[in-house]
Amino acid sequence: MRGESIFIQADGDEMNGGIGNILGTEPTPELAAGVAENCQVMLNQLNDETLQQVALLTLEGYRTEEIAQKLDCARRTIERKLSRIREIWGEE
């Protein structure tokens, strides 16, 4: 029995070998489509364009202060909107 050594590159480079590289690092097209569909369903639950914008910007990695600047409002307003988003999504 050879174990993971069977997956080592022909040039002997163990850094690029091993069973961990068989699956790859990218999501399958099916998984990506499923995630996109679930995100759209969740965004549609918000029923408010501003809540949707805040959710999307948060998912894109923006901080509360940055979102407030982008939407030209107070940080506390964004915090309340994030709280409302959590509330809506928590009901589902």
PDB file of N, CA and C in Angstrom:
ATOM      1  N   MET A   1       0.847  -1.169   0.000  1.00  0.00           N
ATOM      2  CA  MET A   1       0.000   0.000   0.000  1.00  0.00           C
ATOM      3  C   MET A   1       0.893   1.232   0.000  1.00  0.00           C
ATOM      4  N   ARG A   2       0.608   2.216  -0.886  1.00  0.00           N
ATOM      5  CA  ARG A   2       1.491   3.362  -1.064  1.00  0.00           C
ATOM      6  C   ARG A   2       1.031   4.616  -0.326  1.00  0.00           C
ATOM      7  N   GLY A   3      -0.205   4.731   0.069  1.00  0.00           N
ATOM      8  CA  GLY A   3      -0.672   5.944   0.745  1.00  0.00           C
ATOM      9  C   GLY A   3      -0.701   7.126  -0.199  1.00  0.00           C
ATOM     10  N   GLU A   4      -0.461   8.307   0.355  1.00  0.00           N
ATOM     11  CA  GLU A   4      -0.518   9.533  -0.442  1.00  0.00           C
ATOM     12  C   GLU A   4       0.656   9.675  -1.408  1.00  0.00           C
ATOM     13  N   SER A   5       1.686   8.885  -1.267  1.00  0.00           N
ATOM     14  CA  SER A   5       2.839   9.013  -2.151  1.00  0.00           C
ATOM     15  C   SER A   5       2.460   8.795  -3.611  1.00  0.00           C
ATOM     16  N   ILE A   6       1.359   8.116  -3.835  1.00  0.00           N
ATOM     17  CA  ILE A   6       0.914   7.888  -5.213  1.00  0.00           C
ATOM     18  C   ILE A   6       0.534   9.203  -5.904  1.00  0.00           C
ATOM     19  N   PHE A   7       0.210  10.234  -5.112  1.00  0.00           N
ATOM     20  CA  PHE A   7      -0.221  11.501  -5.681  1.00  0.00           C
ATOM     21  C   PHE A   7       0.916  12.502  -5.864  1.00  0.00           C
ATOM     22  N   ILE A   8       2.129  12.143  -5.488  1.00  0.00           N
ATOM     23  CA  ILE A   8       3.273  13.042  -5.638  1.00  0.00           C
ATOM     24  C   ILE A   8       3.582  13.204  -7.116  1.00  0.00           C
ATOM     25  N   GLN A   9       3.900  14.427  -7.505  1.00  0.00           N
ATOM     26  CA  GLN A   9       4.208  14.729  -8.896  1.00  0.00           C
ATOM     27  C   GLN A   9       5.340  13.836  -9.400  1.00  0.00           C
ATOM     28  N   ALA A  10       5.372  13.604 -10.698  1.00  0.00           N
ATOM     29  CA  ALA A  10       6.403  12.772 -11.303  1.00  0.00           C
ATOM     30  C   ALA A  10       7.801  13.336 -11.060  1.00  0.00           C
ATOM     31  N   ASP A  11       7.910  14.656 -10.912  1.00  0.00           N
ATOM     32  CA  ASP A  11       9.221  15.268 -10.666  1.00  0.00           C
ATOM     33  C   ASP A  11       9.616  15.178  -9.197  1.00  0.00           C
ATOM     34  N   GLY A  12       8.771  14.546  -8.359  1.00  0.00           N
ATOM     35  CA  GLY A  12       9.085  14.362  -6.952  1.00  0.00           C
ATOM     36  C   GLY A  12       8.722  15.548  -6.076  1.00  0.00           C
ATOM     37  N   ASP A  13       8.083  16.544  -6.636  1.00  0.00           N
ATOM     38  CA  ASP A  13       7.715  17.742  -5.881  1.00  0.00           C
ATOM     39  C   ASP A  13       6.533  17.437  -4.968  1.00  0.00           C
ATOM     40  N   GLU A  14       6.832  17.260  -3.677  1.00  0.00           N
ATOM     41  CA  GLU A  14       5.779  16.933  -2.715  1.00  0.00           C
ATOM     42  C   GLU A  14       4.898  18.137  -2.412  1.00  0.00           C
ATOM     43  N   MET A  15       5.371  19.350  -2.657  1.00  0.00           N
ATOM     44  CA  MET A  15       4.574  20.548  -2.390  1.00  0.00           C
ATOM     45  C   MET A  15       3.334  20.586  -3.272  1.00  0.00           C
ATOM     46  N   ASN A  16       3.412  20.031  -4.450  1.00  0.00           N
ATOM     47  CA  ASN A  16       2.278  20.040  -5.374  1.00  0.00           C
ATOM     48  C   ASN A  16       1.564  18.704  -5.405  1.00  0.00           C
ATOM     49  N   GLY A  17       1.921  17.803  -4.515  1.00  0.00           N
ATOM     50  CA  GLY A  17       1.309  16.489  -4.512  1.00  0.00           C
ATOM     51  C   GLY A  17       0.404  16.301  -3.327  1.00  0.00           C
ATOM     52  N   GLY A  18      -0.028  15.097  -3.149  1.00  0.00           N
ATOM     53  CA  GLY A  18      -0.867  14.759  -2.007  1.00  0.00           C
ATOM     54  C   GLY A  18      -2.336  14.744  -2.356  1.00  0.00           C
ATOM     55  N   ILE A  19      -3.074  14.045  -1.555  1.00  0.00           N
ATOM     56  CA  ILE A  19      -4.506  13.875  -1.795  1.00  0.00           C
ATOM     57  C   ILE A  19      -5.270  15.198  -1.670  1.00  0.00           C
ATOM     58  N   GLY A  20      -4.726  16.152  -0.922  1.00  0.00           N
ATOM     59  CA  GLY A  20      -5.391  17.438  -0.758  1.00  0.00           C
ATOM     60  C   GLY A  20      -5.558  18.205  -2.049  1.00  0.00           C
ATOM     61  N   ASN A  21      -4.743  17.922  -3.045  1.00  0.00           N
ATOM     62  CA  ASN A  21      -4.835  18.631  -4.321  1.00  0.00           C
ATOM     63  C   ASN A  21      -5.750  17.949  -5.324  1.00  0.00           C
ATOM     64  N   ILE A  22      -6.281  16.805  -4.982  1.00  0.00           N
ATOM     65  CA  ILE A  22      -7.169  16.096  -5.904  1.00  0.00           C
ATOM     66  C   ILE A  22      -8.471  16.873  -6.088  1.00  0.00           C
ATOM     67  N   LEU A  23      -9.043  17.393  -5.006  1.00  0.00           N
ATOM     68  CA  LEU A  23     -10.315  18.091  -5.085  1.00  0.00           C
ATOM     69  C   LEU A  23     -10.171  19.517  -5.593  1.00  0.00           C
ATOM     70  N   GLY A  24      -9.036  20.135  -5.435  1.00  0.00           N
ATOM     71  CA  GLY A  24      -8.840  21.512  -5.855  1.00  0.00           C
ATOM     72  C   GLY A  24      -9.298  22.482  -4.781  1.00  0.00           C
ATOM     73  N   THR A  25      -9.123  23.771  -5.066  1.00  0.00           N
ATOM     74  CA  THR A  25      -9.472  24.791  -4.087  1.00  0.00           C
ATOM     75  C   THR A  25     -10.681  25.614  -4.495  1.00  0.00           C
ATOM     76  N   GLU A  26     -11.132  25.482  -5.704  1.00  0.00           N
ATOM     77  CA  GLU A  26     -12.274  26.253  -6.194  1.00  0.00           C
ATOM     78  C   GLU A  26     -13.573  25.488  -5.941  1.00  0.00           C
ATOM     79  N   PRO A  27     -14.667  26.227  -5.665  1.00  0.00           N
ATOM     80  CA  PRO A  27     -15.954  25.550  -5.497  1.00  0.00           C
ATOM     81  C   PRO A  27     -16.441  25.001  -6.839  1.00  0.00           C
ATOM     82  N   THR A  28     -17.221  23.954  -6.776  1.00  0.00           N
ATOM     83  CA  THR A  28     -17.793  23.409  -8.009  1.00  0.00           C
ATOM     84  C   THR A  28     -18.815  24.401  -8.544  1.00  0.00           C
ATOM     85  N   PRO A  29     -19.111  24.348  -9.829  1.00  0.00           N
ATOM     86  CA  PRO A  29     -20.145  25.235 -10.385  1.00  0.00           C
ATOM     87  C   PRO A  29     -21.500  25.044  -9.684  1.00  0.00           C
ATOM     88  N   GLU A  30     -21.798  23.829  -9.304  1.00  0.00           N
ATOM     89  CA  GLU A  30     -23.069  23.559  -8.627  1.00  0.00           C
ATOM     90  C   GLU A  30     -23.110  24.242  -7.263  1.00  0.00           C
ATOM     91  N   LEU A  31     -21.995  24.162  -6.519  1.00  0.00           N
ATOM     92  CA  LEU A  31     -21.923  24.794  -5.214  1.00  0.00           C
ATOM     93  C   LEU A  31     -22.023  26.310  -5.355  1.00  0.00           C
ATOM     94  N   ALA A  32     -21.296  26.881  -6.302  1.00  0.00           N
ATOM     95  CA  ALA A  32     -21.331  28.330  -6.518  1.00  0.00           C
ATOM     96  C   ALA A  32     -22.740  28.789  -6.876  1.00  0.00           C
ATOM     97  N   ALA A  33     -23.435  28.040  -7.723  1.00  0.00           N
ATOM     98  CA  ALA A  33     -24.803  28.391  -8.102  1.00  0.00           C
ATOM     99  C   ALA A  33     -25.742  28.298  -6.899  1.00  0.00           C
ATOM    100  N   GLY A  34     -25.557  27.285  -6.079  1.00  0.00           N
ATOM    101  CA  GLY A  34     -26.384  27.120  -4.886  1.00  0.00           C
ATOM    102  C   GLY A  34     -26.186  28.250  -3.894  1.00  0.00           C
ATOM    103  N   VAL A  35     -24.940  28.651  -3.694  1.00  0.00           N
ATOM    104  CA  VAL A  35     -24.644  29.756  -2.779  1.00  0.00           C
ATOM    105  C   VAL A  35     -25.258  31.049  -3.307  1.00  0.00           C
ATOM    106  N   ALA A  36     -25.099  31.310  -4.605  1.00  0.00           N
ATOM    107  CA  ALA A  36     -25.661  32.526  -5.204  1.00  0.00           C
ATOM    108  C   ALA A  36     -27.179  32.544  -5.071  1.00  0.00           C
ATOM    109  N   GLU A  37     -27.808  31.400  -5.288  1.00  0.00           N
ATOM    110  CA  GLU A  37     -29.266  31.313  -5.169  1.00  0.00           C
ATOM    111  C   GLU A  37     -29.712  31.555  -3.729  1.00  0.00           C
ATOM    112  N   ASN A  38     -29.013  30.961  -2.765  1.00  0.00           N
ATOM    113  CA  ASN A  38     -29.355  31.164  -1.353  1.00  0.00           C
ATOM    114  C   ASN A  38     -29.165  32.618  -0.936  1.00  0.00           C
ATOM    115  N   CYS A  39     -28.106  33.251  -1.426  1.00  0.00           N
ATOM    116  CA  CYS A  39     -27.879  34.667  -1.120  1.00  0.00           C
ATOM    117  C   CYS A  39     -29.013  35.520  -1.661  1.00  0.00           C
ATOM    118  N   GLN A  40     -29.450  35.232  -2.871  1.00  0.00           N
ATOM    119  CA  GLN A  40     -30.534  36.016  -3.476  1.00  0.00           C
ATOM    120  C   GLN A  40     -31.833  35.833  -2.703  1.00  0.00           C
ATOM    121  N   VAL A  41     -32.116  34.614  -2.268  1.00  0.00           N
ATOM    122  CA  VAL A  41     -33.314  34.351  -1.464  1.00  0.00           C
ATOM    123  C   VAL A  41     -33.259  35.159  -0.166  1.00  0.00           C
ATOM    124  N   MET A  42     -32.108  35.161   0.479  1.00  0.00           N
ATOM    125  CA  MET A  42     -31.966  35.891   1.737  1.00  0.00           C
ATOM    126  C   MET A  42     -32.090  37.400   1.514  1.00  0.00           C
ATOM    127  N   LEU A  43     -31.506  37.918   0.451  1.00  0.00           N
ATOM    128  CA  LEU A  43     -31.625  39.341   0.157  1.00  0.00           C
ATOM    129  C   LEU A  43     -33.067  39.724  -0.132  1.00  0.00           C
ATOM    130  N   ASN A  44     -33.787  38.871  -0.835  1.00  0.00           N
ATOM    131  CA  ASN A  44     -35.192  39.139  -1.141  1.00  0.00           C
ATOM    132  C   ASN A  44     -36.049  39.184   0.112  1.00  0.00           C
ATOM    133  N   GLN A  45     -35.648  38.486   1.163  1.00  0.00           N
ATOM    134  CA  GLN A  45     -36.388  38.509   2.425  1.00  0.00           C
ATOM    135  C   GLN A  45     -36.346  39.877   3.081  1.00  0.00           C
ATOM    136  N   LEU A  46     -35.370  40.689   2.737  1.00  0.00           N
ATOM    137  CA  LEU A  46     -35.204  41.982   3.390  1.00  0.00           C
ATOM    138  C   LEU A  46     -36.261  43.003   2.966  1.00  0.00           C
ATOM    139  N   ASN A  47     -36.775  42.902   1.736  1.00  0.00           N
ATOM    140  CA  ASN A  47     -37.852  43.770   1.252  1.00  0.00           C
ATOM    141  C   ASN A  47     -37.575  45.263   1.415  1.00  0.00           C
ATOM    142  N   ASP A  48     -36.318  45.654   1.418  1.00  0.00           N
ATOM    143  CA  ASP A  48     -35.950  47.064   1.554  1.00  0.00           C
ATOM    144  C   ASP A  48     -34.606  47.246   0.867  1.00  0.00           C
ATOM    145  N   GLU A  49     -34.562  48.181  -0.066  1.00  0.00           N
ATOM    146  CA  GLU A  49     -33.344  48.378  -0.860  1.00  0.00           C
ATOM    147  C   GLU A  49     -32.141  48.758   0.004  1.00  0.00           C
ATOM    148  N   THR A  50     -32.354  49.605   1.005  1.00  0.00           N
ATOM    149  CA  THR A  50     -31.243  50.017   1.861  1.00  0.00           C
ATOM    150  C   THR A  50     -30.728  48.851   2.689  1.00  0.00           C
ATOM    151  N   LEU A  51     -31.625  48.038   3.230  1.00  0.00           N
ATOM    152  CA  LEU A  51     -31.190  46.847   3.973  1.00  0.00           C
ATOM    153  C   LEU A  51     -30.398  45.914   3.072  1.00  0.00           C
ATOM    154  N   GLN A  52     -30.846  45.774   1.828  1.00  0.00           N
ATOM    155  CA  GLN A  52     -30.132  44.919   0.878  1.00  0.00           C
ATOM    156  C   GLN A  52     -28.742  45.472   0.599  1.00  0.00           C
ATOM    157  N   GLN A  53     -28.632  46.803   0.433  1.00  0.00           N
ATOM    158  CA  GLN A  53     -27.323  47.423   0.192  1.00  0.00           C
ATOM    159  C   GLN A  53     -26.391  47.187   1.375  1.00  0.00           C
ATOM    160  N   VAL A  54     -26.898  47.378   2.578  1.00  0.00           N
ATOM    161  CA  VAL A  54     -26.082  47.188   3.777  1.00  0.00           C
ATOM    162  C   VAL A  54     -25.621  45.740   3.868  1.00  0.00           C
ATOM    163  N   ALA A  55     -26.527  44.795   3.599  1.00  0.00           N
ATOM    164  CA  ALA A  55     -26.167  43.377   3.651  1.00  0.00           C
ATOM    165  C   ALA A  55     -25.090  43.054   2.625  1.00  0.00           C
ATOM    166  N   LEU A  56     -25.259  43.531   1.401  1.00  0.00           N
ATOM    167  CA  LEU A  56     -24.274  43.261   0.350  1.00  0.00           C
ATOM    168  C   LEU A  56     -22.916  43.865   0.677  1.00  0.00           C
ATOM    169  N   LEU A  57     -22.907  45.096   1.147  1.00  0.00           N
ATOM    170  CA  LEU A  57     -21.634  45.734   1.487  1.00  0.00           C
ATOM    171  C   LEU A  57     -20.948  45.008   2.641  1.00  0.00           C
ATOM    172  N   THR A  58     -21.735  44.527   3.585  1.00  0.00           N
ATOM    173  CA  THR A  58     -21.171  43.752   4.691  1.00  0.00           C
ATOM    174  C   THR A  58     -20.567  42.454   4.173  1.00  0.00           C
ATOM    175  N   LEU A  59     -21.286  41.775   3.285  1.00  0.00           N
ATOM    176  CA  LEU A  59     -20.773  40.531   2.712  1.00  0.00           C
ATOM    177  C   LEU A  59     -19.512  40.769   1.885  1.00  0.00           C
ATOM    178  N   GLU A  60     -19.390  41.954   1.313  1.00  0.00           N
ATOM    179  CA  GLU A  60     -18.200  42.295   0.532  1.00  0.00           C
ATOM    180  C   GLU A  60     -17.018  42.652   1.422  1.00  0.00           C
ATOM    181  N   GLY A  61     -17.260  42.735   2.739  1.00  0.00           N
ATOM    182  CA  GLY A  61     -16.163  42.960   3.662  1.00  0.00           C
ATOM    183  C   GLY A  61     -15.998  44.378   4.169  1.00  0.00           C
ATOM    184  N   TYR A  62     -16.936  45.251   3.824  1.00  0.00           N
ATOM    185  CA  TYR A  62     -16.838  46.624   4.316  1.00  0.00           C
ATOM    186  C   TYR A  62     -17.188  46.689   5.797  1.00  0.00           C
ATOM    187  N   ARG A  63     -16.512  47.580   6.527  1.00  0.00           N
ATOM    188  CA  ARG A  63     -16.794  47.799   7.947  1.00  0.00           C
ATOM    189  C   ARG A  63     -17.964  48.768   8.083  1.00  0.00           C
ATOM    190  N   THR A  64     -18.537  48.795   9.265  1.00  0.00           N
ATOM    191  CA  THR A  64     -19.701  49.642   9.536  1.00  0.00           C
ATOM    192  C   THR A  64     -19.432  51.102   9.167  1.00  0.00           C
ATOM    193  N   GLU A  65     -18.271  51.610   9.546  1.00  0.00           N
ATOM    194  CA  GLU A  65     -17.921  53.004   9.262  1.00  0.00           C
ATOM    195  C   GLU A  65     -17.859  53.262   7.754  1.00  0.00           C
ATOM    196  N   GLU A  66     -17.300  52.308   7.019  1.00  0.00           N
ATOM    197  CA  GLU A  66     -17.189  52.454   5.563  1.00  0.00           C
ATOM    198  C   GLU A  66     -18.561  52.433   4.901  1.00  0.00           C
ATOM    199  N   ILE A  67     -19.435  51.574   5.387  1.00  0.00           N
ATOM    200  CA  ILE A  67     -20.791  51.501   4.833  1.00  0.00           C
ATOM    201  C   ILE A  67     -21.524  52.817   5.091  1.00  0.00           C
ATOM    202  N   ALA A  68     -21.370  53.351   6.292  1.00  0.00           N
ATOM    203  CA  ALA A  68     -22.005  54.625   6.631  1.00  0.00           C
ATOM    204  C   ALA A  68     -21.532  55.730   5.693  1.00  0.00           C
ATOM    205  N   GLN A  69     -20.249  55.751   5.400  1.00  0.00           N
ATOM    206  CA  GLN A  69     -19.718  56.764   4.475  1.00  0.00           C
ATOM    207  C   GLN A  69     -20.291  56.580   3.080  1.00  0.00           C
ATOM    208  N   LYS A  70     -20.318  55.329   2.613  1.00  0.00           N
ATOM    209  CA  LYS A  70     -20.836  55.054   1.265  1.00  0.00           C
ATOM    210  C   LYS A  70     -22.301  55.447   1.128  1.00  0.00           C
ATOM    211  N   LEU A  71     -23.088  55.213   2.187  1.00  0.00           N
ATOM    212  CA  LEU A  71     -24.527  55.498   2.131  1.00  0.00           C
ATOM    213  C   LEU A  71     -24.868  56.868   2.705  1.00  0.00           C
ATOM    214  N   ASP A  72     -23.831  57.627   3.080  1.00  0.00           N
ATOM    215  CA  ASP A  72     -23.990  58.979   3.597  1.00  0.00           C
ATOM    216  C   ASP A  72     -24.981  59.041   4.769  1.00  0.00           C
ATOM    217  N   CYS A  73     -24.672  58.252   5.789  1.00  0.00           N
ATOM    218  CA  CYS A  73     -25.501  58.246   6.997  1.00  0.00           C
ATOM    219  C   CYS A  73     -24.612  57.976   8.210  1.00  0.00           C
ATOM    220  N   ALA A  74     -25.211  58.023   9.377  1.00  0.00           N
ATOM    221  CA  ALA A  74     -24.464  57.816  10.613  1.00  0.00           C
ATOM    222  C   ALA A  74     -24.131  56.342  10.826  1.00  0.00           C
ATOM    223  N   ARG A  75     -23.020  56.096  11.516  1.00  0.00           N
ATOM    224  CA  ARG A  75     -22.621  54.721  11.843  1.00  0.00           C
ATOM    225  C   ARG A  75     -23.723  54.004  12.624  1.00  0.00           C
ATOM    226  N   ARG A  76     -24.357  54.719  13.541  1.00  0.00           N
ATOM    227  CA  ARG A  76     -25.419  54.135  14.357  1.00  0.00           C
ATOM    228  C   ARG A  76     -26.598  53.684  13.488  1.00  0.00           C
ATOM    229  N   THR A  77     -26.873  54.398  12.406  1.00  0.00           N
ATOM    230  CA  THR A  77     -27.936  54.000  11.477  1.00  0.00           C
ATOM    231  C   THR A  77     -27.615  52.642  10.866  1.00  0.00           C
ATOM    232  N   ILE A  78     -26.370  52.456  10.471  1.00  0.00           N
ATOM    233  CA  ILE A  78     -25.947  51.176   9.886  1.00  0.00           C
ATOM    234  C   ILE A  78     -26.032  50.074  10.934  1.00  0.00           C
ATOM    235  N   GLU A  79     -25.635  50.368  12.158  1.00  0.00           N
ATOM    236  CA  GLU A  79     -25.734  49.368  13.222  1.00  0.00           C
ATOM    237  C   GLU A  79     -27.179  48.927  13.433  1.00  0.00           C
ATOM    238  N   ARG A  80     -28.118  49.885  13.388  1.00  0.00           N
ATOM    239  CA  ARG A  80     -29.541  49.535  13.533  1.00  0.00           C
ATOM    240  C   ARG A  80     -30.012  48.688  12.356  1.00  0.00           C
ATOM    241  N   LYS A  81     -29.558  49.037  11.166  1.00  0.00           N
ATOM    242  CA  LYS A  81     -29.953  48.265   9.979  1.00  0.00           C
ATOM    243  C   LYS A  81     -29.380  46.844  10.042  1.00  0.00           C
ATOM    244  N   LEU A  82     -28.152  46.707  10.492  1.00  0.00           N
ATOM    245  CA  LEU A  82     -27.558  45.376  10.648  1.00  0.00           C
ATOM    246  C   LEU A  82     -28.327  44.561  11.683  1.00  0.00           C
ATOM    247  N   SER A  83     -28.754  45.214  12.735  1.00  0.00           N
ATOM    248  CA  SER A  83     -29.554  44.537  13.753  1.00  0.00           C
ATOM    249  C   SER A  83     -30.875  44.067  13.159  1.00  0.00           C
ATOM    250  N   ARG A  84     -31.494  44.916  12.351  1.00  0.00           N
ATOM    251  CA  ARG A  84     -32.762  44.550  11.698  1.00  0.00           C
ATOM    252  C   ARG A  84     -32.546  43.387  10.729  1.00  0.00           C
ATOM    253  N   ILE A  85     -31.457  43.398  10.000  1.00  0.00           N
ATOM    254  CA  ILE A  85     -31.145  42.298   9.068  1.00  0.00           C
ATOM    255  C   ILE A  85     -31.011  40.986   9.844  1.00  0.00           C
ATOM    256  N   ARG A  86     -30.273  41.010  10.941  1.00  0.00           N
ATOM    257  CA  ARG A  86     -30.110  39.802  11.773  1.00  0.00           C
ATOM    258  C   ARG A  86     -31.464  39.307  12.274  1.00  0.00           C
ATOM    259  N   GLU A  87     -32.304  40.248  12.666  1.00  0.00           N
ATOM    260  CA  GLU A  87     -33.636  39.920  13.159  1.00  0.00           C
ATOM    261  C   GLU A  87     -34.465  39.228  12.082  1.00  0.00           C
ATOM    262  N   ILE A  88     -34.478  39.809  10.881  1.00  0.00           N
ATOM    263  CA  ILE A  88     -35.242  39.232   9.771  1.00  0.00           C
ATOM    264  C   ILE A  88     -34.716  37.850   9.413  1.00  0.00           C
ATOM    265  N   TRP A  89     -33.412  37.732   9.275  1.00  0.00           N
ATOM    266  CA  TRP A  89     -32.826  36.445   8.900  1.00  0.00           C
ATOM    267  C   TRP A  89     -32.949  35.420  10.014  1.00  0.00           C
ATOM    268  N   GLY A  90     -32.998  35.882  11.250  1.00  0.00           N
ATOM    269  CA  GLY A  90     -33.147  34.962  12.382  1.00  0.00           C
ATOM    270  C   GLY A  90     -34.537  34.369  12.469  1.00  0.00           C
ATOM    271  N   GLU A  91     -35.541  35.051  11.886  1.00  0.00           N
ATOM    272  CA  GLU A  91     -36.909  34.560  11.899  1.00  0.00           C
ATOM    273  C   GLU A  91     -37.102  33.381  10.960  1.00  0.00           C
ATOM    274  N   GLU A  92     -36.257  33.284   9.975  1.00  0.00           N
ATOM    275  CA  GLU A  92     -36.405  32.211   8.961  1.00  0.00           C
ATOM    276  C   GLU A  92     -35.869  30.897   9.457  1.00  0.00           C
TER     277      GLU A  92
END
